[in-house]
N, C-alpha and C. Protein backbone atom coordinates (compact mmCIF):
# COMPACT_ATOMS: atom_id res chain seq x y z
N UNK A 1 62.60 84.74 113.38
CA UNK A 1 63.63 85.04 112.43
C UNK A 1 63.45 86.39 111.76
N UNK A 2 62.70 87.24 112.37
CA UNK A 2 62.40 88.50 111.70
C UNK A 2 63.34 89.62 112.09
N UNK A 3 63.79 89.64 113.32
CA UNK A 3 64.62 90.78 113.76
C UNK A 3 66.14 90.49 113.72
N UNK A 4 66.56 89.75 112.76
CA UNK A 4 67.99 89.41 112.65
C UNK A 4 68.73 90.65 112.05
N UNK A 5 69.92 90.88 112.58
CA UNK A 5 70.72 91.97 112.10
C UNK A 5 72.01 91.35 111.50
N UNK A 6 72.29 91.74 110.33
CA UNK A 6 73.56 91.27 109.70
C UNK A 6 74.62 92.32 109.88
N UNK A 7 75.73 91.96 110.44
CA UNK A 7 76.86 92.86 110.71
C UNK A 7 78.12 92.41 109.92
N UNK A 8 78.86 93.34 109.52
CA UNK A 8 80.18 93.02 108.96
C UNK A 8 81.04 92.65 110.16
N UNK A 9 82.07 91.86 109.87
CA UNK A 9 82.94 91.39 110.93
C UNK A 9 83.57 92.58 111.70
N UNK A 10 83.97 93.60 111.01
CA UNK A 10 84.58 94.75 111.68
C UNK A 10 83.58 95.44 112.59
N UNK A 11 82.33 95.51 112.22
CA UNK A 11 81.31 96.15 113.02
C UNK A 11 81.04 95.28 114.29
N UNK A 12 81.03 94.01 114.10
CA UNK A 12 80.79 93.10 115.22
C UNK A 12 81.95 93.19 116.24
N UNK A 13 83.18 93.25 115.76
CA UNK A 13 84.34 93.43 116.59
C UNK A 13 84.29 94.74 117.36
N UNK A 14 83.92 95.83 116.69
CA UNK A 14 83.87 97.13 117.32
C UNK A 14 82.79 97.11 118.44
N UNK A 15 81.64 96.52 118.12
CA UNK A 15 80.55 96.50 119.13
C UNK A 15 80.93 95.64 120.34
N UNK A 16 81.68 94.56 120.09
CA UNK A 16 82.14 93.66 121.14
C UNK A 16 83.10 94.41 122.07
N UNK A 17 84.10 95.17 121.45
CA UNK A 17 85.01 95.96 122.22
C UNK A 17 84.28 97.04 123.02
N UNK A 18 83.34 97.72 122.45
CA UNK A 18 82.55 98.74 123.09
C UNK A 18 81.79 98.19 124.31
N UNK A 19 81.27 97.00 124.17
CA UNK A 19 80.49 96.34 125.26
C UNK A 19 81.44 96.05 126.45
N UNK A 20 82.65 95.54 126.13
CA UNK A 20 83.62 95.24 127.18
C UNK A 20 84.05 96.52 127.85
N UNK A 21 84.37 97.55 127.12
CA UNK A 21 84.82 98.82 127.69
C UNK A 21 83.72 99.44 128.54
N UNK A 22 82.45 99.42 128.06
CA UNK A 22 81.36 99.98 128.86
C UNK A 22 81.09 99.23 130.13
N UNK A 23 81.33 97.93 130.09
CA UNK A 23 81.08 97.13 131.29
C UNK A 23 82.00 97.53 132.43
N UNK A 24 83.19 98.19 132.08
CA UNK A 24 84.07 98.64 133.07
C UNK A 24 84.16 100.14 133.16
N UNK A 25 83.07 100.81 132.66
CA UNK A 25 82.91 102.25 132.76
C UNK A 25 84.08 103.03 132.13
N UNK A 26 84.57 102.54 131.08
CA UNK A 26 85.66 103.19 130.30
C UNK A 26 86.95 103.37 131.16
N UNK A 27 87.18 102.45 132.07
CA UNK A 27 88.37 102.47 132.91
C UNK A 27 89.27 101.29 132.60
N UNK A 28 90.58 101.56 132.68
CA UNK A 28 91.57 100.50 132.61
C UNK A 28 91.37 99.62 133.85
N UNK A 29 91.24 98.30 133.67
CA UNK A 29 90.97 97.43 134.82
C UNK A 29 92.15 97.33 135.71
N UNK A 30 93.34 97.61 135.24
CA UNK A 30 94.53 97.47 136.03
C UNK A 30 94.87 98.74 136.85
N UNK A 31 95.00 99.88 136.17
CA UNK A 31 95.33 101.09 136.95
C UNK A 31 94.14 101.90 137.44
N UNK A 32 92.96 101.64 136.82
CA UNK A 32 91.76 102.28 137.26
C UNK A 32 91.49 103.63 136.67
N UNK A 33 92.39 104.07 135.71
CA UNK A 33 92.26 105.37 135.14
C UNK A 33 91.16 105.38 134.09
N UNK A 34 90.37 106.44 134.06
CA UNK A 34 89.28 106.54 133.08
C UNK A 34 89.81 107.13 131.77
N UNK A 35 89.44 106.54 130.66
CA UNK A 35 89.84 106.90 129.30
C UNK A 35 88.66 107.11 128.41
N UNK A 36 88.91 107.71 127.24
CA UNK A 36 87.92 107.67 126.16
C UNK A 36 87.94 106.22 125.66
N UNK A 37 86.82 105.73 125.21
CA UNK A 37 86.74 104.38 124.74
C UNK A 37 87.79 104.03 123.68
N UNK A 38 88.03 104.99 122.78
CA UNK A 38 88.96 104.73 121.68
C UNK A 38 90.41 104.63 122.16
N UNK A 39 90.73 105.08 123.38
CA UNK A 39 92.09 105.04 123.89
C UNK A 39 92.38 103.80 124.72
N UNK A 40 91.42 102.90 124.81
CA UNK A 40 91.61 101.64 125.58
C UNK A 40 91.82 100.50 124.57
N UNK A 41 92.67 99.56 125.01
CA UNK A 41 92.86 98.32 124.23
C UNK A 41 92.13 97.22 124.93
N UNK A 42 92.05 96.12 124.28
CA UNK A 42 91.40 94.93 124.93
C UNK A 42 92.53 93.95 125.26
N UNK A 43 92.59 93.57 126.51
CA UNK A 43 93.65 92.65 126.99
C UNK A 43 93.12 91.30 127.33
N UNK A 44 93.86 90.28 126.99
CA UNK A 44 93.50 88.93 127.36
C UNK A 44 94.06 88.73 128.76
N UNK A 45 93.20 88.51 129.71
CA UNK A 45 93.65 88.31 131.13
C UNK A 45 94.61 87.15 131.19
N UNK A 46 94.18 86.01 130.61
CA UNK A 46 95.12 84.86 130.43
C UNK A 46 95.60 85.00 128.99
N UNK A 47 96.86 85.28 128.78
CA UNK A 47 97.38 85.53 127.44
C UNK A 47 97.17 84.38 126.48
N UNK A 48 97.00 84.72 125.23
CA UNK A 48 96.75 83.69 124.21
C UNK A 48 97.92 82.68 124.16
N UNK A 49 99.17 83.15 124.43
CA UNK A 49 100.31 82.25 124.35
C UNK A 49 100.31 81.22 125.45
N UNK A 50 99.40 81.41 126.47
CA UNK A 50 99.28 80.43 127.55
C UNK A 50 97.86 79.74 127.49
N UNK A 51 97.25 79.78 126.29
CA UNK A 51 95.99 79.12 126.14
C UNK A 51 94.75 79.98 126.34
N UNK A 52 94.93 81.27 126.58
CA UNK A 52 93.79 82.17 126.82
C UNK A 52 93.07 82.39 125.51
N UNK A 53 91.78 82.38 125.55
CA UNK A 53 90.95 82.52 124.38
C UNK A 53 90.29 83.87 124.35
N UNK A 54 89.74 84.18 123.21
CA UNK A 54 89.06 85.52 123.01
C UNK A 54 87.59 85.48 123.41
N UNK A 55 87.31 84.91 124.61
CA UNK A 55 86.00 84.90 125.16
C UNK A 55 85.79 86.16 125.95
N UNK A 56 84.63 86.68 126.06
CA UNK A 56 84.32 87.86 126.86
C UNK A 56 84.85 87.71 128.25
N UNK A 57 84.79 86.54 128.84
CA UNK A 57 85.22 86.35 130.25
C UNK A 57 86.72 86.40 130.38
N UNK A 58 87.46 86.48 129.28
CA UNK A 58 88.89 86.57 129.33
C UNK A 58 89.39 87.90 128.74
N UNK A 59 88.49 88.77 128.39
CA UNK A 59 88.85 90.07 127.78
C UNK A 59 88.47 91.22 128.71
N UNK A 60 89.42 92.12 128.88
CA UNK A 60 89.16 93.32 129.73
C UNK A 60 89.77 94.57 129.05
N UNK A 61 89.19 95.74 129.36
CA UNK A 61 89.76 96.98 128.81
C UNK A 61 91.02 97.33 129.59
N UNK A 62 92.03 97.76 128.86
CA UNK A 62 93.29 98.15 129.45
C UNK A 62 93.91 99.32 128.66
N UNK A 63 94.53 100.23 129.45
CA UNK A 63 95.22 101.28 128.72
C UNK A 63 96.53 100.63 128.09
N UNK A 64 97.00 101.31 127.14
CA UNK A 64 98.14 100.76 126.35
C UNK A 64 99.31 100.55 127.28
N UNK A 65 99.55 101.47 128.19
CA UNK A 65 100.67 101.36 129.14
C UNK A 65 100.57 100.07 129.98
N UNK A 66 99.43 99.86 130.60
CA UNK A 66 99.30 98.65 131.39
C UNK A 66 99.31 97.35 130.52
N UNK A 67 98.70 97.40 129.39
CA UNK A 67 98.65 96.25 128.49
C UNK A 67 100.09 95.81 128.12
N UNK A 68 100.89 96.80 127.73
CA UNK A 68 102.23 96.52 127.35
C UNK A 68 103.11 96.14 128.54
N UNK A 69 102.90 96.74 129.66
CA UNK A 69 103.70 96.42 130.85
C UNK A 69 103.38 94.97 131.36
N UNK A 70 102.12 94.61 131.31
CA UNK A 70 101.71 93.28 131.74
C UNK A 70 102.25 92.19 130.81
N UNK A 71 102.15 92.50 129.51
CA UNK A 71 102.62 91.56 128.55
C UNK A 71 101.93 90.21 128.70
N UNK A 72 102.72 89.15 128.73
CA UNK A 72 102.19 87.80 128.87
C UNK A 72 102.32 87.25 130.30
N UNK A 73 102.55 88.17 131.24
CA UNK A 73 102.68 87.73 132.69
C UNK A 73 101.37 87.40 133.24
N UNK A 74 101.42 86.70 134.43
CA UNK A 74 100.22 86.40 135.18
C UNK A 74 99.65 87.78 135.64
N UNK A 75 98.36 88.01 135.38
CA UNK A 75 97.78 89.33 135.66
C UNK A 75 97.84 89.65 137.16
N UNK A 76 97.52 88.66 138.02
CA UNK A 76 97.45 88.96 139.41
C UNK A 76 98.81 89.27 140.01
N UNK A 77 99.79 88.45 139.68
CA UNK A 77 101.17 88.73 140.20
C UNK A 77 101.63 90.07 139.70
N UNK A 78 101.44 90.41 138.36
CA UNK A 78 101.84 91.69 137.86
C UNK A 78 101.10 92.82 138.49
N UNK A 79 99.83 92.65 138.69
CA UNK A 79 99.03 93.78 139.26
C UNK A 79 99.42 94.06 140.69
N UNK A 80 99.64 93.02 141.52
CA UNK A 80 100.05 93.23 142.89
C UNK A 80 101.45 93.86 142.95
N UNK A 81 102.32 93.42 142.12
CA UNK A 81 103.69 93.92 142.03
C UNK A 81 103.64 95.38 141.65
N UNK A 82 102.77 95.77 140.77
CA UNK A 82 102.75 97.12 140.21
C UNK A 82 101.93 98.07 141.08
N UNK A 83 100.76 97.61 141.59
CA UNK A 83 99.79 98.50 142.21
C UNK A 83 99.51 98.09 143.69
N UNK A 84 100.02 96.99 144.14
CA UNK A 84 99.66 96.46 145.44
C UNK A 84 98.24 95.76 145.32
N UNK A 85 97.70 95.50 146.46
CA UNK A 85 96.34 94.85 146.46
C UNK A 85 95.31 95.95 146.37
N UNK A 86 94.42 95.84 145.38
CA UNK A 86 93.39 96.85 145.15
C UNK A 86 92.04 96.21 145.02
N UNK A 87 91.01 97.00 145.10
CA UNK A 87 89.63 96.50 144.82
C UNK A 87 89.42 96.13 143.40
N UNK A 88 90.23 96.65 142.50
CA UNK A 88 90.09 96.26 141.08
C UNK A 88 90.28 94.74 140.86
N UNK A 89 91.07 94.15 141.76
CA UNK A 89 91.25 92.69 141.68
C UNK A 89 89.93 91.92 141.73
N UNK A 90 89.10 92.41 142.64
CA UNK A 90 87.74 91.81 142.85
C UNK A 90 86.97 91.93 141.55
N UNK A 91 86.97 93.12 140.95
CA UNK A 91 86.22 93.34 139.69
C UNK A 91 86.69 92.43 138.62
N UNK A 92 87.99 92.26 138.49
CA UNK A 92 88.54 91.33 137.48
C UNK A 92 88.15 89.91 137.76
N UNK A 93 88.28 89.52 139.03
CA UNK A 93 87.88 88.13 139.43
C UNK A 93 86.43 87.86 139.12
N UNK A 94 85.55 88.82 139.39
CA UNK A 94 84.16 88.64 139.10
C UNK A 94 83.95 88.47 137.60
N UNK A 95 84.64 89.26 136.86
CA UNK A 95 84.51 89.23 135.38
C UNK A 95 84.96 87.94 134.76
N UNK A 96 86.10 87.42 135.28
CA UNK A 96 86.64 86.19 134.73
C UNK A 96 86.12 84.94 135.42
N UNK A 97 85.28 85.13 136.43
CA UNK A 97 84.72 83.99 137.13
C UNK A 97 85.68 83.23 137.99
N UNK A 98 86.71 83.99 138.47
CA UNK A 98 87.66 83.36 139.38
C UNK A 98 88.70 82.52 138.70
N UNK A 99 88.70 82.44 137.42
CA UNK A 99 89.65 81.65 136.65
C UNK A 99 91.00 82.39 136.52
N UNK A 100 92.07 81.65 136.32
CA UNK A 100 93.36 82.17 136.00
C UNK A 100 94.00 83.00 137.07
N UNK A 101 93.64 82.88 138.29
CA UNK A 101 94.20 83.74 139.37
C UNK A 101 95.61 83.36 139.65
């Protein structure tokens, strides 16, 4: 119990976002474009309105354009409709553990 770190909620959220963004090399998971960390949003792969939770396995970095365009649609259907079949699908599938496809 010696090396405990106390964080404010806002600091914990910022660190969580940074970890998700870094896991994808500061790229939008949908379009693949590289951004500054501050220019990416966090998207729920399975939207909250359909029971998606804020677990790391359901959160991915997304540019604002892709996040808004996807909205609450099924990510795989939207992505294939928008970009065709890409290798980024595999990265998302690995991240979410094959759920919600």
